[in-house]
């Protein structure tokens, strides 16, 4: 039987993975492991660090921009590409 903490941890992990995005500046651990770091606005920790529990800490090296800033940039770029495609199809 799962504890309430385990249920909450698993729910948060799933939510991060469902709503999340690959971090442009991954945590140091993922650079070493050559893995994607999945983050979401609902947590300040990534899905694997949440899954790992209290002993796993997210540590990032000097980012030059935030993940939310990067996501806004990507969203704007995608929007511009869609607009360009719509214009070309007219």
Protein backbone atom coordinates (compact mmCIF):
# COMPACT_ATOMS: atom_id res chain seq x y z
CA UNK A 1 0.00 0.00 0.00
CA UNK A 2 1.35 3.43 -0.93
CA UNK A 3 1.78 6.23 1.53
CA UNK A 4 0.12 9.59 0.92
CA UNK A 5 3.55 11.08 0.22
CA UNK A 6 4.24 8.44 -2.46
CA UNK A 7 0.86 9.05 -4.06
CA UNK A 8 1.52 12.83 -4.14
CA UNK A 9 5.05 12.30 -5.50
CA UNK A 10 3.79 10.00 -8.27
CA UNK A 11 0.97 12.39 -9.15
CA UNK A 12 3.38 15.33 -9.37
CA UNK A 13 5.82 13.30 -11.48
CA UNK A 14 3.03 12.40 -13.93
CA UNK A 15 1.82 16.01 -14.04
CA UNK A 16 5.32 17.31 -14.80
CA UNK A 17 5.73 14.73 -17.55
CA UNK A 18 2.26 15.50 -19.00
CA UNK A 19 2.51 19.30 -18.87
CA UNK A 20 6.27 19.61 -19.06
CA UNK A 21 8.84 20.55 -21.61
CA UNK A 22 12.45 19.66 -22.15
CA UNK A 23 14.60 22.14 -20.29
CA UNK A 24 16.88 24.11 -22.57
CA UNK A 25 19.43 24.37 -19.78
CA UNK A 26 19.26 20.95 -18.15
CA UNK A 27 20.33 20.24 -14.62
CA UNK A 28 23.95 19.17 -14.17
CA UNK A 29 22.90 15.57 -13.50
CA UNK A 30 21.29 15.27 -16.94
CA UNK A 31 24.26 16.78 -18.72
CA UNK A 32 26.41 14.02 -17.19
CA UNK A 33 23.81 11.33 -18.00
CA UNK A 34 23.11 12.78 -21.48
CA UNK A 35 19.37 12.66 -20.77
CA UNK A 36 16.51 15.10 -21.24
CA UNK A 37 15.47 17.10 -18.20
CA UNK A 38 11.65 17.48 -18.14
CA UNK A 39 10.36 20.50 -16.24
CA UNK A 40 6.97 22.15 -15.80
CA UNK A 41 5.62 25.34 -14.29
CA UNK A 42 3.87 23.34 -11.54
CA UNK A 43 7.18 22.48 -9.80
CA UNK A 44 10.63 23.91 -9.28
CA UNK A 45 12.03 20.38 -9.64
CA UNK A 46 12.19 18.15 -12.71
CA UNK A 47 10.25 14.91 -13.05
CA UNK A 48 13.21 12.61 -12.31
CA UNK A 49 14.25 14.59 -9.23
CA UNK A 50 10.67 14.44 -7.90
CA UNK A 51 10.54 10.71 -8.66
CA UNK A 52 13.88 10.21 -6.88
CA UNK A 53 12.57 11.72 -3.67
CA UNK A 54 14.26 13.94 -1.12
CA UNK A 55 17.78 12.69 -1.79
CA UNK A 56 17.87 13.91 -5.40
CA UNK A 57 18.40 17.65 -5.83
CA UNK A 58 18.04 19.71 -8.97
CA UNK A 59 21.22 21.71 -9.54
CA UNK A 60 21.62 23.95 -12.55
CA UNK A 61 24.68 25.75 -13.88
CA UNK A 62 24.33 29.50 -14.40
CA UNK A 63 21.40 29.79 -16.83
CA UNK A 64 21.34 32.85 -19.05
CA UNK A 65 17.53 32.74 -19.36
CA UNK A 66 14.67 30.97 -17.66
CA UNK A 67 12.78 28.01 -19.05
CA UNK A 68 9.60 30.10 -19.23
CA UNK A 69 11.43 32.75 -21.28
CA UNK A 70 12.68 30.04 -23.64
CA UNK A 71 9.19 28.54 -23.96
CA UNK A 72 7.75 31.98 -24.84
CA UNK A 73 10.42 32.37 -27.50
CA UNK A 74 9.71 28.93 -28.99
CA UNK A 75 5.95 29.60 -28.91
CA UNK A 76 6.44 32.94 -30.69
CA UNK A 77 8.69 31.33 -33.27
CA UNK A 78 6.14 28.56 -33.92
CA UNK A 79 3.39 31.16 -34.27
CA UNK A 80 5.43 33.11 -36.81
CA UNK A 81 6.09 29.92 -38.79
CA UNK A 82 2.36 29.12 -38.82
CA UNK A 83 1.54 32.64 -40.00
CA UNK A 84 4.16 32.40 -42.74
CA UNK A 85 2.79 29.03 -43.87
CA UNK A 86 -0.78 30.40 -43.95
CA UNK A 87 0.33 33.35 -46.07
CA UNK A 88 2.20 31.10 -48.50
CA UNK A 89 -0.85 28.84 -48.92
CA UNK A 90 -3.09 31.76 -49.93
